[in-house]
């Protein structure tokens, strides 16, 4: 985010249904307020997020999905894990696969 960024969208439009912005947040929040809000919102699922990974393949099995990733810090380390669902989030869109 830009250093002096203020939202041009009211906070009520950006609010997740499960979590309100903290009391006292301005109608058009400053970038640090938005960043903290998003960090706080994601804290409950942080343990499920894997960073520094490149997704090599997503493959549908019978009742699960196989996801093959490579560790970007150690490119030799390749791992395949199975999941009940997969979320693909590019930043501009999110796709859920079940």
PDB file of N, CA and C in Angstrom:
ATOM      1  N   UNK A   1       0.840  -1.174   0.000  1.00  0.00           N
ATOM      2  CA  UNK A   1       0.000   0.000   0.000  1.00  0.00           C
ATOM      3  C   UNK A   1       0.881   1.232   0.000  1.00  0.00           C
ATOM      4  N   UNK A   2       0.376   2.281  -0.608  1.00  0.00           N
ATOM      5  CA  UNK A   2       1.108   3.541  -0.619  1.00  0.00           C
ATOM      6  C   UNK A   2       1.221   4.090   0.803  1.00  0.00           C
ATOM      7  N   UNK A   3       2.292   4.823   1.072  1.00  0.00           N
ATOM      8  CA  UNK A   3       2.555   5.345   2.412  1.00  0.00           C
ATOM      9  C   UNK A   3       1.410   6.192   2.948  1.00  0.00           C
ATOM     10  N   UNK A   4       0.841   7.060   2.128  1.00  0.00           N
ATOM     11  CA  UNK A   4      -0.212   7.975   2.585  1.00  0.00           C
ATOM     12  C   UNK A   4      -1.590   7.593   2.065  1.00  0.00           C
ATOM     13  N   UNK A   5      -1.825   6.327   1.874  1.00  0.00           N
ATOM     14  CA  UNK A   5      -3.081   5.856   1.302  1.00  0.00           C
ATOM     15  C   UNK A   5      -4.232   5.952   2.293  1.00  0.00           C
ATOM     16  N   UNK A   6      -5.329   6.532   1.837  1.00  0.00           N
ATOM     17  CA  UNK A   6      -6.599   6.523   2.545  1.00  0.00           C
ATOM     18  C   UNK A   6      -7.577   5.786   1.647  1.00  0.00           C
ATOM     19  N   UNK A   7      -8.474   4.998   2.213  1.00  0.00           N
ATOM     20  CA  UNK A   7      -9.455   4.268   1.419  1.00  0.00           C
ATOM     21  C   UNK A   7     -10.399   5.247   0.727  1.00  0.00           C
ATOM     22  N   UNK A   8     -10.806   4.901  -0.486  1.00  0.00           N
ATOM     23  CA  UNK A   8     -11.827   5.701  -1.163  1.00  0.00           C
ATOM     24  C   UNK A   8     -13.171   4.972  -1.128  1.00  0.00           C
ATOM     25  N   UNK A   9     -13.214   3.921  -0.321  1.00  0.00           N
ATOM     26  CA  UNK A   9     -14.435   3.142  -0.100  1.00  0.00           C
ATOM     27  C   UNK A   9     -14.720   3.173   1.403  1.00  0.00           C
ATOM     28  N   UNK A  10     -15.955   3.431   1.792  1.00  0.00           N
ATOM     29  CA  UNK A  10     -16.279   3.465   3.220  1.00  0.00           C
ATOM     30  C   UNK A  10     -15.991   2.123   3.903  1.00  0.00           C
ATOM     31  N   UNK A  11     -15.579   2.186   5.144  1.00  0.00           N
ATOM     32  CA  UNK A  11     -15.222   0.976   5.899  1.00  0.00           C
ATOM     33  C   UNK A  11     -16.373  -0.018   5.946  1.00  0.00           C
ATOM     34  N   UNK A  12     -17.626   0.465   5.983  1.00  0.00           N
ATOM     35  CA  UNK A  12     -18.767  -0.437   6.066  1.00  0.00           C
ATOM     36  C   UNK A  12     -18.878  -1.319   4.822  1.00  0.00           C
ATOM     37  N   UNK A  13     -18.398  -0.869   3.695  1.00  0.00           N
ATOM     38  CA  UNK A  13     -18.400  -1.652   2.459  1.00  0.00           C
ATOM     39  C   UNK A  13     -17.291  -2.708   2.523  1.00  0.00           C
ATOM     40  N   UNK A  14     -16.179  -2.400   3.200  1.00  0.00           N
ATOM     41  CA  UNK A  14     -15.032  -3.314   3.295  1.00  0.00           C
ATOM     42  C   UNK A  14     -15.136  -4.292   4.460  1.00  0.00           C
ATOM     43  N   UNK A  15     -16.114  -4.132   5.331  1.00  0.00           N
ATOM     44  CA  UNK A  15     -16.230  -4.930   6.549  1.00  0.00           C
ATOM     45  C   UNK A  15     -16.652  -6.364   6.241  1.00  0.00           C
ATOM     46  N   UNK A  16     -15.921  -7.326   6.808  1.00  0.00           N
ATOM     47  CA  UNK A  16     -16.314  -8.726   6.712  1.00  0.00           C
ATOM     48  C   UNK A  16     -17.520  -8.948   7.630  1.00  0.00           C
ATOM     49  N   UNK A  17     -18.434  -9.813   7.212  1.00  0.00           N
ATOM     50  CA  UNK A  17     -19.662 -10.050   7.982  1.00  0.00           C
ATOM     51  C   UNK A  17     -19.366 -10.527   9.402  1.00  0.00           C
ATOM     52  N   UNK A  18     -18.286 -11.300   9.565  1.00  0.00           N
ATOM     53  CA  UNK A  18     -17.982 -11.889  10.868  1.00  0.00           C
ATOM     54  C   UNK A  18     -17.174 -10.973  11.787  1.00  0.00           C
ATOM     55  N   UNK A  19     -16.695  -9.834  11.262  1.00  0.00           N
ATOM     56  CA  UNK A  19     -15.798  -9.009  12.083  1.00  0.00           C
ATOM     57  C   UNK A  19     -15.955  -7.534  11.720  1.00  0.00           C
ATOM     58  N   UNK A  20     -16.308  -6.752  12.698  1.00  0.00           N
ATOM     59  CA  UNK A  20     -16.429  -5.306  12.503  1.00  0.00           C
ATOM     60  C   UNK A  20     -15.054  -4.642  12.570  1.00  0.00           C
ATOM     61  N   UNK A  21     -14.918  -3.485  11.954  1.00  0.00           N
ATOM     62  CA  UNK A  21     -13.721  -2.675  12.167  1.00  0.00           C
ATOM     63  C   UNK A  21     -13.747  -2.212  13.625  1.00  0.00           C
ATOM     64  N   UNK A  22     -12.590  -1.978  14.227  1.00  0.00           N
ATOM     65  CA  UNK A  22     -12.568  -1.516  15.624  1.00  0.00           C
ATOM     66  C   UNK A  22     -13.312  -0.189  15.787  1.00  0.00           C
ATOM     67  N   UNK A  23     -13.898  -0.024  16.957  1.00  0.00           N
ATOM     68  CA  UNK A  23     -14.582   1.249  17.265  1.00  0.00           C
ATOM     69  C   UNK A  23     -13.594   2.401  17.095  1.00  0.00           C
ATOM     70  N   UNK A  24     -14.065   3.496  16.534  1.00  0.00           N
ATOM     71  CA  UNK A  24     -13.221   4.663  16.345  1.00  0.00           C
ATOM     72  C   UNK A  24     -12.532   4.713  14.985  1.00  0.00           C
ATOM     73  N   UNK A  25     -12.678   3.638  14.163  1.00  0.00           N
ATOM     74  CA  UNK A  25     -12.088   3.648  12.832  1.00  0.00           C
ATOM     75  C   UNK A  25     -12.824   4.683  11.989  1.00  0.00           C
ATOM     76  N   UNK A  26     -12.073   5.518  11.294  1.00  0.00           N
ATOM     77  CA  UNK A  26     -12.688   6.556  10.461  1.00  0.00           C
ATOM     78  C   UNK A  26     -13.508   5.926   9.339  1.00  0.00           C
ATOM     79  N   UNK A  27     -14.439   6.687   8.785  1.00  0.00           N
ATOM     80  CA  UNK A  27     -15.304   6.196   7.713  1.00  0.00           C
ATOM     81  C   UNK A  27     -14.469   5.733   6.526  1.00  0.00           C
ATOM     82  N   UNK A  28     -13.439   6.487   6.171  1.00  0.00           N
ATOM     83  CA  UNK A  28     -12.497   6.112   5.117  1.00  0.00           C
ATOM     84  C   UNK A  28     -11.159   5.813   5.794  1.00  0.00           C
ATOM     85  N   UNK A  29     -10.919   4.546   6.152  1.00  0.00           N
ATOM     86  CA  UNK A  29      -9.750   4.202   6.967  1.00  0.00           C
ATOM     87  C   UNK A  29      -8.412   4.477   6.287  1.00  0.00           C
ATOM     88  N   UNK A  30      -7.425   4.732   7.111  1.00  0.00           N
ATOM     89  CA  UNK A  30      -6.048   4.898   6.663  1.00  0.00           C
ATOM     90  C   UNK A  30      -5.463   3.513   6.411  1.00  0.00           C
ATOM     91  N   UNK A  31      -4.421   3.436   5.615  1.00  0.00           N
ATOM     92  CA  UNK A  31      -3.847   2.145   5.219  1.00  0.00           C
ATOM     93  C   UNK A  31      -3.441   1.274   6.400  1.00  0.00           C
ATOM     94  N   UNK A  32      -2.911   1.876   7.452  1.00  0.00           N
ATOM     95  CA  UNK A  32      -2.492   1.082   8.614  1.00  0.00           C
ATOM     96  C   UNK A  32      -3.694   0.469   9.322  1.00  0.00           C
ATOM     97  N   UNK A  33      -4.835   1.169   9.316  1.00  0.00           N
ATOM     98  CA  UNK A  33      -6.052   0.626   9.920  1.00  0.00           C
ATOM     99  C   UNK A  33      -6.568  -0.561   9.096  1.00  0.00           C
ATOM    100  N   UNK A  34      -6.521  -0.447   7.783  1.00  0.00           N
ATOM    101  CA  UNK A  34      -6.975  -1.539   6.906  1.00  0.00           C
ATOM    102  C   UNK A  34      -6.056  -2.745   7.066  1.00  0.00           C
ATOM    103  N   UNK A  35      -4.760  -2.501   7.062  1.00  0.00           N
ATOM    104  CA  UNK A  35      -3.794  -3.588   7.200  1.00  0.00           C
ATOM    105  C   UNK A  35      -3.984  -4.330   8.521  1.00  0.00           C
ATOM    106  N   UNK A  36      -4.138  -3.606   9.614  1.00  0.00           N
ATOM    107  CA  UNK A  36      -4.329  -4.243  10.920  1.00  0.00           C
ATOM    108  C   UNK A  36      -5.635  -5.027  10.955  1.00  0.00           C
ATOM    109  N   UNK A  37      -6.681  -4.474  10.356  1.00  0.00           N
ATOM    110  CA  UNK A  37      -7.980  -5.157  10.302  1.00  0.00           C
ATOM    111  C   UNK A  37      -7.859  -6.493   9.571  1.00  0.00           C
ATOM    112  N   UNK A  38      -7.193  -6.494   8.426  1.00  0.00           N
ATOM    113  CA  UNK A  38      -7.029  -7.722   7.639  1.00  0.00           C
ATOM    114  C   UNK A  38      -6.151  -8.729   8.394  1.00  0.00           C
ATOM    115  N   UNK A  39      -5.079  -8.247   9.035  1.00  0.00           N
ATOM    116  CA  UNK A  39      -4.230  -9.144   9.828  1.00  0.00           C
ATOM    117  C   UNK A  39      -5.017  -9.777  10.973  1.00  0.00           C
ATOM    118  N   UNK A  40      -5.795  -8.970  11.677  1.00  0.00           N
ATOM    119  CA  UNK A  40      -6.599  -9.481  12.792  1.00  0.00           C
ATOM    120  C   UNK A  40      -7.630 -10.494  12.293  1.00  0.00           C
ATOM    121  N   UNK A  41      -8.245 -10.218  11.164  1.00  0.00           N
ATOM    122  CA  UNK A  41      -9.255 -11.119  10.597  1.00  0.00           C
ATOM    123  C   UNK A  41      -8.644 -12.477  10.246  1.00  0.00           C
ATOM    124  N   UNK A  42      -7.443 -12.465   9.717  1.00  0.00           N
ATOM    125  CA  UNK A  42      -6.796 -13.695   9.291  1.00  0.00           C
ATOM    126  C   UNK A  42      -6.097 -14.475  10.380  1.00  0.00           C
ATOM    127  N   UNK A  43      -6.025 -13.932  11.577  1.00  0.00           N
ATOM    128  CA  UNK A  43      -5.281 -14.578  12.665  1.00  0.00           C
ATOM    129  C   UNK A  43      -5.803 -15.975  12.993  1.00  0.00           C
ATOM    130  N   UNK A  44      -7.118 -16.170  12.932  1.00  0.00           N
ATOM    131  CA  UNK A  44      -7.697 -17.476  13.274  1.00  0.00           C
ATOM    132  C   UNK A  44      -7.332 -18.571  12.279  1.00  0.00           C
ATOM    133  N   UNK A  45      -6.994 -18.195  11.053  1.00  0.00           N
ATOM    134  CA  UNK A  45      -6.657 -19.201  10.031  1.00  0.00           C
ATOM    135  C   UNK A  45      -5.185 -19.152   9.629  1.00  0.00           C
ATOM    136  N   UNK A  46      -4.416 -18.356  10.308  1.00  0.00           N
ATOM    137  CA  UNK A  46      -2.994 -18.184   9.963  1.00  0.00           C
ATOM    138  C   UNK A  46      -2.247 -19.521   9.936  1.00  0.00           C
ATOM    139  N   UNK A  47      -2.574 -20.415  10.857  1.00  0.00           N
ATOM    140  CA  UNK A  47      -1.897 -21.715  10.924  1.00  0.00           C
ATOM    141  C   UNK A  47      -2.202 -22.582   9.702  1.00  0.00           C
ATOM    142  N   UNK A  48      -3.226 -22.236   8.938  1.00  0.00           N
ATOM    143  CA  UNK A  48      -3.582 -22.993   7.743  1.00  0.00           C
ATOM    144  C   UNK A  48      -2.917 -22.455   6.473  1.00  0.00           C
ATOM    145  N   UNK A  49      -2.277 -21.310   6.584  1.00  0.00           N
ATOM    146  CA  UNK A  49      -1.676 -20.659   5.419  1.00  0.00           C
ATOM    147  C   UNK A  49      -0.211 -21.058   5.311  1.00  0.00           C
ATOM    148  N   UNK A  50       0.170 -21.438   4.118  1.00  0.00           N
ATOM    149  CA  UNK A  50       1.561 -21.813   3.874  1.00  0.00           C
ATOM    150  C   UNK A  50       2.200 -20.769   2.968  1.00  0.00           C
ATOM    151  N   UNK A  51       3.240 -20.144   3.455  1.00  0.00           N
ATOM    152  CA  UNK A  51       3.939 -19.109   2.702  1.00  0.00           C
ATOM    153  C   UNK A  51       5.173 -19.701   2.020  1.00  0.00           C
ATOM    154  N   UNK A  52       5.765 -18.946   1.123  1.00  0.00           N
ATOM    155  CA  UNK A  52       6.994 -19.340   0.425  1.00  0.00           C
ATOM    156  C   UNK A  52       6.826 -20.656  -0.314  1.00  0.00           C
ATOM    157  N   UNK A  53       5.659 -20.850  -0.907  1.00  0.00           N
ATOM    158  CA  UNK A  53       5.388 -22.069  -1.659  1.00  0.00           C
ATOM    159  C   UNK A  53       4.875 -21.725  -3.050  1.00  0.00           C
ATOM    160  N   UNK A  54       5.338 -22.477  -4.016  1.00  0.00           N
ATOM    161  CA  UNK A  54       4.865 -22.361  -5.388  1.00  0.00           C
ATOM    162  C   UNK A  54       3.980 -23.577  -5.661  1.00  0.00           C
ATOM    163  N   UNK A  55       2.762 -23.343  -6.115  1.00  0.00           N
ATOM    164  CA  UNK A  55       1.864 -24.452  -6.445  1.00  0.00           C
ATOM    165  C   UNK A  55       2.234 -24.965  -7.825  1.00  0.00           C
ATOM    166  N   UNK A  56       2.594 -26.234  -7.876  1.00  0.00           N
ATOM    167  CA  UNK A  56       2.979 -26.849  -9.140  1.00  0.00           C
ATOM    168  C   UNK A  56       1.799 -27.538  -9.825  1.00  0.00           C
ATOM    169  N   UNK A  57       0.908 -28.138  -8.999  1.00  0.00           N
ATOM    170  CA  UNK A  57      -0.198 -28.884  -9.591  1.00  0.00           C
ATOM    171  C   UNK A  57      -1.330 -29.023  -8.583  1.00  0.00           C
ATOM    172  N   UNK A  58      -2.560 -28.914  -9.074  1.00  0.00           N
ATOM    173  CA  UNK A  58      -3.765 -29.209  -8.293  1.00  0.00           C
ATOM    174  C   UNK A  58      -4.520 -30.265  -9.087  1.00  0.00           C
ATOM    175  N   UNK A  59      -4.757 -31.394  -8.434  1.00  0.00           N
ATOM    176  CA  UNK A  59      -5.322 -32.539  -9.156  1.00  0.00           C
ATOM    177  C   UNK A  59      -6.514 -33.101  -8.384  1.00  0.00           C
ATOM    178  N   UNK A  60      -7.635 -33.312  -9.085  1.00  0.00           N
ATOM    179  CA  UNK A  60      -8.827 -33.880  -8.456  1.00  0.00           C
ATOM    180  C   UNK A  60      -8.670 -35.387  -8.335  1.00  0.00           C
ATOM    181  N   UNK A  61      -8.809 -35.886  -7.115  1.00  0.00           N
ATOM    182  CA  UNK A  61      -8.821 -37.319  -6.864  1.00  0.00           C
ATOM    183  C   UNK A  61     -10.294 -37.726  -6.746  1.00  0.00           C
ATOM    184  N   UNK A  62     -10.583 -38.861  -6.172  1.00  0.00           N
ATOM    185  CA  UNK A  62     -11.985 -39.274  -6.080  1.00  0.00           C
ATOM    186  C   UNK A  62     -12.807 -38.364  -5.168  1.00  0.00           C
ATOM    187  N   UNK A  63     -12.362 -38.197  -3.918  1.00  0.00           N
ATOM    188  CA  UNK A  63     -13.118 -37.356  -2.984  1.00  0.00           C
ATOM    189  C   UNK A  63     -12.274 -36.231  -2.408  1.00  0.00           C
ATOM    190  N   UNK A  64     -11.050 -36.097  -2.868  1.00  0.00           N
ATOM    191  CA  UNK A  64     -10.161 -35.064  -2.352  1.00  0.00           C
ATOM    192  C   UNK A  64      -9.388 -34.422  -3.502  1.00  0.00           C
ATOM    193  N   UNK A  65      -8.573 -33.455  -3.127  1.00  0.00           N
ATOM    194  CA  UNK A  65      -7.692 -32.762  -4.063  1.00  0.00           C
ATOM    195  C   UNK A  65      -6.252 -33.006  -3.647  1.00  0.00           C
ATOM    196  N   UNK A  66      -5.390 -33.284  -4.606  1.00  0.00           N
ATOM    197  CA  UNK A  66      -3.954 -33.412  -4.351  1.00  0.00           C
ATOM    198  C   UNK A  66      -3.294 -32.118  -4.806  1.00  0.00           C
ATOM    199  N   UNK A  67      -2.578 -31.490  -3.905  1.00  0.00           N
ATOM    200  CA  UNK A  67      -1.898 -30.231  -4.199  1.00  0.00           C
ATOM    201  C   UNK A  67      -0.396 -30.456  -4.062  1.00  0.00           C
ATOM    202  N   UNK A  68       0.329 -30.222  -5.146  1.00  0.00           N
ATOM    203  CA  UNK A  68       1.785 -30.382  -5.147  1.00  0.00           C
ATOM    204  C   UNK A  68       2.424 -29.003  -5.142  1.00  0.00           C
ATOM    205  N   UNK A  69       3.315 -28.784  -4.164  1.00  0.00           N
ATOM    206  CA  UNK A  69       3.980 -27.494  -4.012  1.00  0.00           C
ATOM    207  C   UNK A  69       5.490 -27.664  -3.954  1.00  0.00           C
ATOM    208  N   UNK A  70       6.169 -26.551  -4.206  1.00  0.00           N
ATOM    209  CA  UNK A  70       7.634 -26.507  -4.086  1.00  0.00           C
ATOM    210  C   UNK A  70       7.978 -25.361  -3.143  1.00  0.00           C
ATOM    211  N   UNK A  71       8.894 -25.611  -2.233  1.00  0.00           N
ATOM    212  CA  UNK A  71       9.383 -24.605  -1.292  1.00  0.00           C
ATOM    213  C   UNK A  71      10.269 -23.628  -2.065  1.00  0.00           C
ATOM    214  N   UNK A  72       9.904 -22.352  -2.083  1.00  0.00           N
ATOM    215  CA  UNK A  72      10.679 -21.376  -2.857  1.00  0.00           C
ATOM    216  C   UNK A  72      12.036 -21.068  -2.218  1.00  0.00           C
ATOM    217  N   UNK A  73      12.212 -21.413  -0.951  1.00  0.00           N
ATOM    218  CA  UNK A  73      13.508 -21.205  -0.298  1.00  0.00           C
ATOM    219  C   UNK A  73      14.430 -22.396  -0.524  1.00  0.00           C
ATOM    220  N   UNK A  74      13.832 -23.551  -0.830  1.00  0.00           N
ATOM    221  CA  UNK A  74      14.577 -24.787  -1.075  1.00  0.00           C
ATOM    222  C   UNK A  74      13.893 -25.508  -2.238  1.00  0.00           C
ATOM    223  N   UNK A  75      14.177 -25.096  -3.490  1.00  0.00           N
ATOM    224  CA  UNK A  75      13.456 -25.599  -4.666  1.00  0.00           C
ATOM    225  C   UNK A  75      13.488 -27.112  -4.862  1.00  0.00           C
ATOM    226  N   UNK A  76      14.393 -27.814  -4.194  1.00  0.00           N
ATOM    227  CA  UNK A  76      14.445 -29.269  -4.307  1.00  0.00           C
ATOM    228  C   UNK A  76      13.310 -29.907  -3.492  1.00  0.00           C
ATOM    229  N   UNK A  77      12.826 -29.186  -2.494  1.00  0.00           N
ATOM    230  CA  UNK A  77      11.787 -29.706  -1.602  1.00  0.00           C
ATOM    231  C   UNK A  77      10.413 -29.580  -2.271  1.00  0.00           C
ATOM    232  N   UNK A  78       9.870 -30.714  -2.717  1.00  0.00           N
ATOM    233  CA  UNK A  78       8.553 -30.778  -3.345  1.00  0.00           C
ATOM    234  C   UNK A  78       7.664 -31.665  -2.479  1.00  0.00           C
ATOM    235  N   UNK A  79       6.424 -31.230  -2.280  1.00  0.00           N
ATOM    236  CA  UNK A  79       5.515 -31.912  -1.359  1.00  0.00           C
ATOM    237  C   UNK A  79       4.128 -32.021  -1.992  1.00  0.00           C
ATOM    238  N   UNK A  80       3.479 -33.162  -1.816  1.00  0.00           N
ATOM    239  CA  UNK A  80       2.089 -33.341  -2.249  1.00  0.00           C
ATOM    240  C   UNK A  80       1.244 -33.652  -1.028  1.00  0.00           C
ATOM    241  N   UNK A  81       0.163 -32.887  -0.863  1.00  0.00           N
ATOM    242  CA  UNK A  81      -0.756 -33.082   0.263  1.00  0.00           C
ATOM    243  C   UNK A  81      -2.173 -33.222  -0.275  1.00  0.00           C
ATOM    244  N   UNK A  82      -3.040 -33.886   0.479  1.00  0.00           N
ATOM    245  CA  UNK A  82      -4.426 -34.051   0.068  1.00  0.00           C
ATOM    246  C   UNK A  82      -5.354 -33.223   0.947  1.00  0.00           C
ATOM    247  N   UNK A  83      -6.373 -32.631   0.301  1.00  0.00           N
ATOM    248  CA  UNK A  83      -7.313 -31.750   0.984  1.00  0.00           C
ATOM    249  C   UNK A  83      -8.733 -32.039   0.518  1.00  0.00           C
ATOM    250  N   UNK A  84      -9.711 -31.684   1.366  1.00  0.00           N
ATOM    251  CA  UNK A  84     -11.118 -31.840   1.013  1.00  0.00           C
ATOM    252  C   UNK A  84     -11.578 -30.735   0.057  1.00  0.00           C
ATOM    253  N   UNK A  85     -10.956 -29.576   0.145  1.00  0.00           N
ATOM    254  CA  UNK A  85     -11.322 -28.435  -0.699  1.00  0.00           C
ATOM    255  C   UNK A  85     -10.071 -27.607  -0.962  1.00  0.00           C
ATOM    256  N   UNK A  86     -10.124 -26.815  -2.009  1.00  0.00           N
ATOM    257  CA  UNK A  86      -8.999 -25.954  -2.384  1.00  0.00           C
ATOM    258  C   UNK A  86      -9.543 -24.563  -2.685  1.00  0.00           C
ATOM    259  N   UNK A  87      -8.863 -23.528  -2.202  1.00  0.00           N
ATOM    260  CA  UNK A  87      -9.197 -22.148  -2.543  1.00  0.00           C
ATOM    261  C   UNK A  87      -8.037 -21.577  -3.340  1.00  0.00           C
ATOM    262  N   UNK A  88      -8.338 -21.026  -4.492  1.00  0.00           N
ATOM    263  CA  UNK A  88      -7.320 -20.391  -5.325  1.00  0.00           C
ATOM    264  C   UNK A  88      -7.597 -18.901  -5.280  1.00  0.00           C
ATOM    265  N   UNK A  89      -6.686 -18.151  -4.690  1.00  0.00           N
ATOM    266  CA  UNK A  89      -6.878 -16.713  -4.525  1.00  0.00           C
ATOM    267  C   UNK A  89      -5.745 -15.971  -5.205  1.00  0.00           C
ATOM    268  N   UNK A  90      -6.057 -15.260  -6.271  1.00  0.00           N
ATOM    269  CA  UNK A  90      -5.030 -14.553  -7.036  1.00  0.00           C
ATOM    270  C   UNK A  90      -4.882 -13.097  -6.624  1.00  0.00           C
ATOM    271  N   UNK A  91      -5.789 -12.613  -5.792  1.00  0.00           N
ATOM    272  CA  UNK A  91      -5.767 -11.214  -5.417  1.00  0.00           C
ATOM    273  C   UNK A  91      -6.921 -10.466  -6.057  1.00  0.00           C
ATOM    274  N   UNK A  92      -7.269 -10.835  -7.291  1.00  0.00           N
ATOM    275  CA  UNK A  92      -8.393 -10.191  -7.954  1.00  0.00           C
ATOM    276  C   UNK A  92      -9.621 -11.100  -8.003  1.00  0.00           C
ATOM    277  N   UNK A  93      -9.403 -12.382  -7.702  1.00  0.00           N
ATOM    278  CA  UNK A  93     -10.527 -13.318  -7.682  1.00  0.00           C
ATOM    279  C   UNK A  93     -10.197 -14.504  -6.778  1.00  0.00           C
ATOM    280  N   UNK A  94     -11.215 -15.173  -6.315  1.00  0.00           N
ATOM    281  CA  UNK A  94     -11.034 -16.395  -5.528  1.00  0.00           C
ATOM    282  C   UNK A  94     -11.932 -17.477  -6.115  1.00  0.00           C
ATOM    283  N   UNK A  95     -11.369 -18.660  -6.274  1.00  0.00           N
ATOM    284  CA  UNK A  95     -12.100 -19.802  -6.822  1.00  0.00           C
ATOM    285  C   UNK A  95     -12.054 -20.919  -5.789  1.00  0.00           C
ATOM    286  N   UNK A  96     -13.237 -21.455  -5.422  1.00  0.00           N
ATOM    287  CA  UNK A  96     -13.310 -22.569  -4.470  1.00  0.00           C
ATOM    288  C   UNK A  96     -13.581 -23.846  -5.229  1.00  0.00           C
ATOM    289  N   UNK A  97     -12.814 -24.877  -4.960  1.00  0.00           N
ATOM    290  CA  UNK A  97     -12.994 -26.187  -5.577  1.00  0.00           C
ATOM    291  C   UNK A  97     -13.337 -27.183  -4.474  1.00  0.00           C
ATOM    292  N   UNK A  98     -14.416 -27.936  -4.649  1.00  0.00           N
ATOM    293  CA  UNK A  98     -14.826 -28.941  -3.650  1.00  0.00           C
ATOM    294  C   UNK A  98     -15.010 -30.266  -4.311  1.00  0.00           C
TER     295      UNK A  98
END
